[in-house]
Amino acid sequence: MSSRGYIRWLGHAAFEIELYGKKILIDPWITNPKSPVTLEDLKEVDFILVTHDHGDHLGETVEIAKRTKATVVGVYELTIHVSEQGVENVLPLNIGGPVKLTSEIEVYATPALHSSTKGCPVGYVIATPDFVIYHAGDTGLFSDMELIGKLYHIDLALLPIGGTFTMGPREAAIATSLIRPRYVIPMHYNTFPEIRQDPEIFKDIVEKIAPHVKVLILSPGDKVDIPIRI
């Protein structure tokens, strides 16, 4: 199978994904302290998926969408919020799905245990015919993560490990064992002191309780080809 694209970590919970020629940003807080890029580097963006309206996740969504004409995908109340700030293209959804971004790319919103002001917090499953990504958003551990794994057959999970506001390494490792992805990338850690963590601790626990899953520890800016070959 030939490469269909890539995923690049932009620090914190922000990712840039290319699938079938479409550029997707998730939670684009591009001015985060770990970011390897500037806003000016993001010249072509097709879709922006926002998990919730906290500033470290909504980030620079409005600025990027207004400049690139990207479509902002989010829960209904959040899309109303960004529309009121001048974003022209929005795709409202809620937990359930699917919604189609293109003929090859579907998106499902999933539950997330967290807080928000504009609507409810969510995670996202991004599904294509040959690769499925799950971005959990900001969340605590919940048992229905096992159902998410069974429903969508996740290839790559992106899970927060920072603690304090989300799962820590132990909880995220248990989440990995429930979801049963082929690969997992830890995120949402070491951006500021309250979420300082050692990702090797997460990796060690995963290797003990979910040895079938490959942990990929990235540095901000690292890019992994899709499909992953390791």
C-alpha atoms as a PDB file:
ATOM      1  CA  MET A   1       0.000   0.000   0.000  1.00  0.00           C
ATOM      2  CA  SER A   2       1.455   3.367  -0.985  1.00  0.00           C
ATOM      3  CA  SER A   3       1.686   6.280   1.406  1.00  0.00           C
ATOM      4  CA  ARG A   4      -1.554   8.262   1.640  1.00  0.00           C
ATOM      5  CA  GLY A   5      -0.140  11.153   3.628  1.00  0.00           C
ATOM      6  CA  TYR A   6       1.419  11.979   6.985  1.00  0.00           C
ATOM      7  CA  ILE A   7       0.782  13.150  10.522  1.00  0.00           C
ATOM      8  CA  ARG A   8       2.943  15.792  12.178  1.00  0.00           C
ATOM      9  CA  TRP A   9       2.867  16.816  15.836  1.00  0.00           C
ATOM     10  CA  LEU A  10       2.784  20.590  16.282  1.00  0.00           C
ATOM     11  CA  GLY A  11       3.095  20.487  20.072  1.00  0.00           C
ATOM     12  CA  HIS A  12       0.468  20.172  22.826  1.00  0.00           C
ATOM     13  CA  ALA A  13      -2.687  18.679  21.212  1.00  0.00           C
ATOM     14  CA  ALA A  14      -2.113  20.214  17.773  1.00  0.00           C
ATOM     15  CA  PHE A  15      -1.544  18.004  14.740  1.00  0.00           C
ATOM     16  CA  GLU A  16      -1.252  18.530  11.016  1.00  0.00           C
ATOM     17  CA  ILE A  17      -2.533  15.596   8.969  1.00  0.00           C
ATOM     18  CA  GLU A  18      -2.502  15.036   5.231  1.00  0.00           C
ATOM     19  CA  LEU A  19      -4.870  12.385   3.881  1.00  0.00           C
ATOM     20  CA  TYR A  20      -5.749  11.860   0.225  1.00  0.00           C
ATOM     21  CA  GLY A  21      -4.327  15.268  -0.637  1.00  0.00           C
ATOM     22  CA  LYS A  22      -6.316  17.168   2.020  1.00  0.00           C
ATOM     23  CA  LYS A  23      -4.658  19.096   4.867  1.00  0.00           C
ATOM     24  CA  ILE A  24      -6.355  18.752   8.245  1.00  0.00           C
ATOM     25  CA  LEU A  25      -5.447  20.577  11.444  1.00  0.00           C
ATOM     26  CA  ILE A  26      -6.615  19.413  14.856  1.00  0.00           C
ATOM     27  CA  ASP A  27      -6.712  21.853  17.803  1.00  0.00           C
ATOM     28  CA  PRO A  28      -4.375  24.386  16.162  1.00  0.00           C
ATOM     29  CA  TRP A  29      -2.829  26.253  19.080  1.00  0.00           C
ATOM     30  CA  ILE A  30       0.096  27.140  16.853  1.00  0.00           C
ATOM     31  CA  THR A  31       1.573  29.707  19.234  1.00  0.00           C
ATOM     32  CA  ASN A  32       2.083  27.068  21.922  1.00  0.00           C
ATOM     33  CA  PRO A  33       5.576  27.081  23.520  1.00  0.00           C
ATOM     34  CA  LYS A  34       6.569  23.812  21.807  1.00  0.00           C
ATOM     35  CA  SER A  35       5.325  24.643  18.320  1.00  0.00           C
ATOM     36  CA  PRO A  36       7.798  23.994  15.486  1.00  0.00           C
ATOM     37  CA  VAL A  37       5.882  26.209  13.039  1.00  0.00           C
ATOM     38  CA  THR A  38       4.471  29.707  12.782  1.00  0.00           C
ATOM     39  CA  LEU A  39       1.036  30.733  11.613  1.00  0.00           C
ATOM     40  CA  GLU A  40       2.594  31.998   8.384  1.00  0.00           C
ATOM     41  CA  ASP A  41       3.876  28.466   7.667  1.00  0.00           C
ATOM     42  CA  LEU A  42       0.295  27.177   7.382  1.00  0.00           C
ATOM     43  CA  LYS A  43      -0.526  28.355   3.899  1.00  0.00           C
ATOM     44  CA  GLU A  44      -2.925  25.636   2.733  1.00  0.00           C
ATOM     45  CA  VAL A  45      -5.466  24.120   5.109  1.00  0.00           C
ATOM     46  CA  ASP A  46      -8.659  22.353   4.048  1.00  0.00           C
ATOM     47  CA  PHE A  47     -10.243  21.414   7.385  1.00  0.00           C
ATOM     48  CA  ILE A  48      -9.775  22.362  11.043  1.00  0.00           C
ATOM     49  CA  LEU A  49     -11.152  19.992  13.690  1.00  0.00           C
ATOM     50  CA  VAL A  50     -11.611  21.553  17.125  1.00  0.00           C
ATOM     51  CA  THR A  51     -12.259  19.313  20.134  1.00  0.00           C
ATOM     52  CA  HIS A  52     -13.459  22.098  22.465  1.00  0.00           C
ATOM     53  CA  ASP A  53     -13.266  25.815  23.039  1.00  0.00           C
ATOM     54  CA  HIS A  54     -10.467  26.103  25.618  1.00  0.00           C
ATOM     55  CA  GLY A  55      -7.790  28.482  24.383  1.00  0.00           C
ATOM     56  CA  ASP A  56      -5.092  25.808  24.149  1.00  0.00           C
ATOM     57  CA  HIS A  57      -7.293  23.855  21.693  1.00  0.00           C
ATOM     58  CA  LEU A  58      -9.340  26.423  19.801  1.00  0.00           C
ATOM     59  CA  GLY A  59      -6.026  28.233  19.491  1.00  0.00           C
ATOM     60  CA  GLU A  60      -5.704  30.250  16.289  1.00  0.00           C
ATOM     61  CA  THR A  61      -8.567  28.474  14.520  1.00  0.00           C
ATOM     62  CA  VAL A  62     -10.361  31.685  13.566  1.00  0.00           C
ATOM     63  CA  GLU A  63      -7.272  33.385  12.155  1.00  0.00           C
ATOM     64  CA  ILE A  64      -6.212  30.330  10.156  1.00  0.00           C
ATOM     65  CA  ALA A  65      -9.708  29.639   8.816  1.00  0.00           C
ATOM     66  CA  LYS A  66     -10.281  33.239   7.728  1.00  0.00           C
ATOM     67  CA  ARG A  67      -6.952  33.329   5.910  1.00  0.00           C
ATOM     68  CA  THR A  68      -7.064  29.899   4.245  1.00  0.00           C
ATOM     69  CA  LYS A  69     -10.870  29.496   3.856  1.00  0.00           C
ATOM     70  CA  ALA A  70     -10.600  26.162   5.686  1.00  0.00           C
ATOM     71  CA  THR A  71     -13.795  24.541   6.940  1.00  0.00           C
ATOM     72  CA  VAL A  72     -14.022  24.436  10.743  1.00  0.00           C
ATOM     73  CA  VAL A  73     -15.488  21.185  12.061  1.00  0.00           C
ATOM     74  CA  GLY A  74     -16.880  21.206  15.594  1.00  0.00           C
ATOM     75  CA  VAL A  75     -19.919  20.790  17.794  1.00  0.00           C
ATOM     76  CA  TYR A  76     -22.807  23.042  16.837  1.00  0.00           C
ATOM     77  CA  GLU A  77     -22.336  25.729  19.491  1.00  0.00           C
ATOM     78  CA  LEU A  78     -18.629  26.052  18.749  1.00  0.00           C
ATOM     79  CA  THR A  79     -19.219  26.487  15.013  1.00  0.00           C
ATOM     80  CA  ILE A  80     -21.750  29.231  15.782  1.00  0.00           C
ATOM     81  CA  HIS A  81     -19.086  30.902  17.935  1.00  0.00           C
ATOM     82  CA  VAL A  82     -16.436  30.923  15.194  1.00  0.00           C
ATOM     83  CA  SER A  83     -18.997  31.970  12.570  1.00  0.00           C
ATOM     84  CA  GLU A  84     -19.767  35.036  14.648  1.00  0.00           C
ATOM     85  CA  GLN A  85     -16.065  35.881  14.485  1.00  0.00           C
ATOM     86  CA  GLY A  86     -16.038  35.855  10.687  1.00  0.00           C
ATOM     87  CA  VAL A  87     -15.301  32.245   9.737  1.00  0.00           C
ATOM     88  CA  GLU A  88     -17.169  31.575   6.500  1.00  0.00           C
ATOM     89  CA  ASN A  89     -17.041  27.780   6.242  1.00  0.00           C
ATOM     90  CA  VAL A  90     -18.192  25.578   9.113  1.00  0.00           C
ATOM     91  CA  LEU A  91     -19.374  21.989   9.452  1.00  0.00           C
ATOM     92  CA  PRO A  92     -21.370  21.494  12.668  1.00  0.00           C
ATOM     93  CA  LEU A  93     -21.770  18.041  14.176  1.00  0.00           C
ATOM     94  CA  ASN A  94     -22.303  16.304  17.476  1.00  0.00           C
ATOM     95  CA  ILE A  95     -21.392  12.996  19.065  1.00  0.00           C
ATOM     96  CA  GLY A  96     -22.400  10.247  16.653  1.00  0.00           C
ATOM     97  CA  GLY A  97     -21.696  10.560  12.981  1.00  0.00           C
ATOM     98  CA  PRO A  98     -20.459  10.199  10.460  1.00  0.00           C
ATOM     99  CA  VAL A  99     -19.956  13.379   8.484  1.00  0.00           C
ATOM    100  CA  LYS A 100     -18.067  13.280   5.209  1.00  0.00           C
ATOM    101  CA  LEU A 101     -15.196  15.660   4.578  1.00  0.00           C
ATOM    102  CA  THR A 102     -14.530  14.100   1.166  1.00  0.00           C
ATOM    103  CA  SER A 103     -15.492  10.882  -0.574  1.00  0.00           C
ATOM    104  CA  GLU A 104     -12.547   9.168   1.167  1.00  0.00           C
ATOM    105  CA  ILE A 105     -12.562  10.872   4.587  1.00  0.00           C
ATOM    106  CA  GLU A 106     -15.247  10.528   7.256  1.00  0.00           C
ATOM    107  CA  VAL A 107     -15.247  12.081  10.725  1.00  0.00           C
ATOM    108  CA  TYR A 108     -17.015  10.890  13.862  1.00  0.00           C
ATOM    109  CA  ALA A 109     -17.225  12.929  17.063  1.00  0.00           C
ATOM    110  CA  THR A 110     -16.721  10.824  20.186  1.00  0.00           C
ATOM    111  CA  PRO A 111     -17.318  11.539  23.876  1.00  0.00           C
ATOM    112  CA  ALA A 112     -14.607  13.184  25.965  1.00  0.00           C
ATOM    113  CA  LEU A 113     -14.686  13.642  29.737  1.00  0.00           C
ATOM    114  CA  HIS A 114     -13.722  17.274  30.156  1.00  0.00           C
ATOM    115  CA  SER A 115     -15.245  20.768  30.347  1.00  0.00           C
ATOM    116  CA  SER A 116     -16.070  23.452  27.807  1.00  0.00           C
ATOM    117  CA  THR A 117     -18.185  26.577  27.371  1.00  0.00           C
ATOM    118  CA  LYS A 118     -19.436  26.336  23.785  1.00  0.00           C
ATOM    119  CA  GLY A 119     -21.136  22.959  23.556  1.00  0.00           C
ATOM    120  CA  CYS A 120     -19.564  19.733  24.815  1.00  0.00           C
ATOM    121  CA  PRO A 121     -15.965  18.530  24.495  1.00  0.00           C
ATOM    122  CA  VAL A 122     -15.342  15.739  22.003  1.00  0.00           C
ATOM    123  CA  GLY A 123     -12.684  13.567  20.454  1.00  0.00           C
ATOM    124  CA  TYR A 124     -12.530  12.693  16.763  1.00  0.00           C
ATOM    125  CA  VAL A 125     -12.214   9.545  14.710  1.00  0.00           C
ATOM    126  CA  ILE A 126     -10.905  10.317  11.232  1.00  0.00           C
ATOM    127  CA  ALA A 127     -11.631   7.325   9.024  1.00  0.00           C
ATOM    128  CA  THR A 128     -10.412   6.530   5.514  1.00  0.00           C
ATOM    129  CA  PRO A 129     -10.658   3.254   3.579  1.00  0.00           C
ATOM    130  CA  ASP A 130      -7.192   2.155   4.731  1.00  0.00           C
ATOM    131  CA  PHE A 131      -6.269   4.117   7.889  1.00  0.00           C
ATOM    132  CA  VAL A 132      -8.156   5.316  10.974  1.00  0.00           C
ATOM    133  CA  ILE A 133      -6.940   7.955  13.461  1.00  0.00           C
ATOM    134  CA  TYR A 134      -8.456   8.671  16.881  1.00  0.00           C
ATOM    135  CA  HIS A 135      -7.658  12.022  18.543  1.00  0.00           C
ATOM    136  CA  ALA A 136      -9.101  11.723  22.037  1.00  0.00           C
ATOM    137  CA  GLY A 137      -9.125  15.454  22.770  1.00  0.00           C
ATOM    138  CA  ASP A 138      -8.849  16.496  26.399  1.00  0.00           C
ATOM    139  CA  THR A 139     -10.309  13.638  28.380  1.00  0.00           C
ATOM    140  CA  GLY A 140     -10.181  11.465  31.422  1.00  0.00           C
ATOM    141  CA  LEU A 141     -10.294   7.707  31.169  1.00  0.00           C
ATOM    142  CA  PHE A 142     -13.687   6.131  30.476  1.00  0.00           C
ATOM    143  CA  SER A 143     -14.666   2.543  29.796  1.00  0.00           C
ATOM    144  CA  ASP A 144     -16.430   3.259  26.477  1.00  0.00           C
ATOM    145  CA  MET A 145     -13.015   3.811  24.922  1.00  0.00           C
ATOM    146  CA  GLU A 146     -13.160   0.051  24.424  1.00  0.00           C
ATOM    147  CA  LEU A 147     -16.315   0.515  22.344  1.00  0.00           C
ATOM    148  CA  ILE A 148     -14.630   3.245  20.274  1.00  0.00           C
ATOM    149  CA  GLY A 149     -11.852   0.782  19.474  1.00  0.00           C
ATOM    150  CA  LYS A 150     -14.276  -1.981  18.548  1.00  0.00           C
ATOM    151  CA  LEU A 151     -16.445   0.275  16.397  1.00  0.00           C
ATOM    152  CA  TYR A 152     -13.742   1.988  14.387  1.00  0.00           C
ATOM    153  CA  HIS A 153     -10.728  -0.368  14.423  1.00  0.00           C
ATOM    154  CA  ILE A 154      -8.241   2.370  15.248  1.00  0.00           C
ATOM    155  CA  ASP A 155      -4.844   2.271  13.564  1.00  0.00           C
ATOM    156  CA  LEU A 156      -3.371   5.284  15.399  1.00  0.00           C
ATOM    157  CA  ALA A 157      -4.520   6.794  18.698  1.00  0.00           C
ATOM    158  CA  LEU A 158      -3.442  10.246  19.893  1.00  0.00           C
ATOM    159  CA  LEU A 159      -3.860  10.325  23.669  1.00  0.00           C
ATOM    160  CA  PRO A 160      -3.210  13.017  26.310  1.00  0.00           C
ATOM    161  CA  ILE A 161      -0.850  11.987  29.109  1.00  0.00           C
ATOM    162  CA  GLY A 162      -0.260  15.276  30.945  1.00  0.00           C
ATOM    163  CA  GLY A 163      -2.447  14.684  33.997  1.00  0.00           C
ATOM    164  CA  THR A 164      -4.063  17.522  36.013  1.00  0.00           C
ATOM    165  CA  PHE A 165      -6.540  18.392  33.233  1.00  0.00           C
ATOM    166  CA  THR A 166      -6.564  15.040  31.373  1.00  0.00           C
ATOM    167  CA  MET A 167      -5.407  11.475  31.747  1.00  0.00           C
ATOM    168  CA  GLY A 168      -1.920  10.937  33.114  1.00  0.00           C
ATOM    169  CA  PRO A 169       0.479   8.235  31.851  1.00  0.00           C
ATOM    170  CA  ARG A 170      -1.144   5.389  33.811  1.00  0.00           C
ATOM    171  CA  GLU A 171      -4.700   6.247  32.770  1.00  0.00           C
ATOM    172  CA  ALA A 172      -3.629   6.790  29.155  1.00  0.00           C
ATOM    173  CA  ALA A 173      -1.890   3.416  29.129  1.00  0.00           C
ATOM    174  CA  ILE A 174      -5.101   1.759  30.339  1.00  0.00           C
ATOM    175  CA  ALA A 175      -6.986   3.688  27.640  1.00  0.00           C
ATOM    176  CA  THR A 176      -4.552   2.258  25.097  1.00  0.00           C
ATOM    177  CA  SER A 177      -5.301  -1.258  26.310  1.00  0.00           C
ATOM    178  CA  LEU A 178      -9.037  -0.606  25.878  1.00  0.00           C
ATOM    179  CA  ILE A 179      -8.799   1.007  22.421  1.00  0.00           C
ATOM    180  CA  ARG A 180      -6.293  -1.548  21.077  1.00  0.00           C
ATOM    181  CA  PRO A 181      -4.831   0.618  18.284  1.00  0.00           C
ATOM    182  CA  ARG A 182      -1.852  -0.509  16.251  1.00  0.00           C
ATOM    183  CA  TYR A 183       0.073   2.614  17.260  1.00  0.00           C
ATOM    184  CA  VAL A 184      -0.292   5.315  19.898  1.00  0.00           C
ATOM    185  CA  ILE A 185       1.263   8.778  20.145  1.00  0.00           C
ATOM    186  CA  PRO A 186       1.231  10.563  23.522  1.00  0.00           C
ATOM    187  CA  MET A 187       0.310  14.262  23.445  1.00  0.00           C
ATOM    188  CA  HIS A 188      -0.743  17.149  25.709  1.00  0.00           C
ATOM    189  CA  TYR A 189       2.268  17.050  28.035  1.00  0.00           C
ATOM    190  CA  ASN A 190       5.308  19.207  28.919  1.00  0.00           C
ATOM    191  CA  THR A 191       3.746  22.350  27.463  1.00  0.00           C
ATOM    192  CA  PHE A 192       3.672  24.007  30.896  1.00  0.00           C
ATOM    193  CA  PRO A 193       4.637  22.907  34.434  1.00  0.00           C
ATOM    194  CA  GLU A 194       1.223  21.568  35.472  1.00  0.00           C
ATOM    195  CA  ILE A 195       1.379  18.856  32.807  1.00  0.00           C
ATOM    196  CA  ARG A 196       5.045  17.893  33.001  1.00  0.00           C
ATOM    197  CA  GLN A 197       5.432  14.168  32.315  1.00  0.00           C
ATOM    198  CA  ASP A 198       7.995  11.644  31.089  1.00  0.00           C
ATOM    199  CA  PRO A 199       6.508   9.864  28.042  1.00  0.00           C
ATOM    200  CA  GLU A 200       8.844   6.922  28.665  1.00  0.00           C
ATOM    201  CA  ILE A 201       6.747   6.090  31.741  1.00  0.00           C
ATOM    202  CA  PHE A 202       3.670   5.888  29.520  1.00  0.00           C
ATOM    203  CA  LYS A 203       5.591   3.711  27.057  1.00  0.00           C
ATOM    204  CA  ASP A 204       6.795   1.352  29.774  1.00  0.00           C
ATOM    205  CA  ILE A 205       3.273   0.790  31.113  1.00  0.00           C
ATOM    206  CA  VAL A 206       1.840   0.238  27.624  1.00  0.00           C
ATOM    207  CA  GLU A 207       4.528  -2.328  26.867  1.00  0.00           C
ATOM    208  CA  LYS A 208       3.473  -4.237  30.003  1.00  0.00           C
ATOM    209  CA  ILE A 209      -0.317  -4.131  29.636  1.00  0.00           C
ATOM    210  CA  ALA A 210      -0.794  -3.738  25.870  1.00  0.00           C
ATOM    211  CA  PRO A 211       2.338  -5.221  24.256  1.00  0.00           C
ATOM    212  CA  HIS A 212       0.589  -5.455  20.872  1.00  0.00           C
ATOM    213  CA  VAL A 213       0.585  -1.629  20.600  1.00  0.00           C
ATOM    214  CA  LYS A 214       3.623   0.289  19.329  1.00  0.00           C
ATOM    215  CA  VAL A 215       4.254   3.552  21.195  1.00  0.00           C
ATOM    216  CA  LEU A 216       5.607   6.372  19.018  1.00  0.00           C
ATOM    217  CA  ILE A 217       7.163   9.154  21.099  1.00  0.00           C
ATOM    218  CA  LEU A 218       7.472  12.240  18.911  1.00  0.00           C
ATOM    219  CA  SER A 219       9.196  15.552  19.367  1.00  0.00           C
ATOM    220  CA  PRO A 220       7.247  18.600  18.164  1.00  0.00           C
ATOM    221  CA  GLY A 221       7.763  18.831  14.411  1.00  0.00           C
ATOM    222  CA  ASP A 222       8.264  15.102  13.903  1.00  0.00           C
ATOM    223  CA  LYS A 223       6.349  13.658  10.961  1.00  0.00           C
ATOM    224  CA  VAL A 224       5.188  10.064  10.465  1.00  0.00           C
ATOM    225  CA  ASP A 225       4.088   8.751   7.072  1.00  0.00           C
ATOM    226  CA  ILE A 226       0.638   7.202   6.709  1.00  0.00           C
ATOM    227  CA  PRO A 227       0.273   4.257   6.561  1.00  0.00           C
ATOM    228  CA  ILE A 228       2.900   3.737   9.247  1.00  0.00           C
ATOM    229  CA  ARG A 229       5.676   1.249   8.529  1.00  0.00           C
ATOM    230  CA  ILE A 230       7.788   0.392  11.571  1.00  0.00           C
END
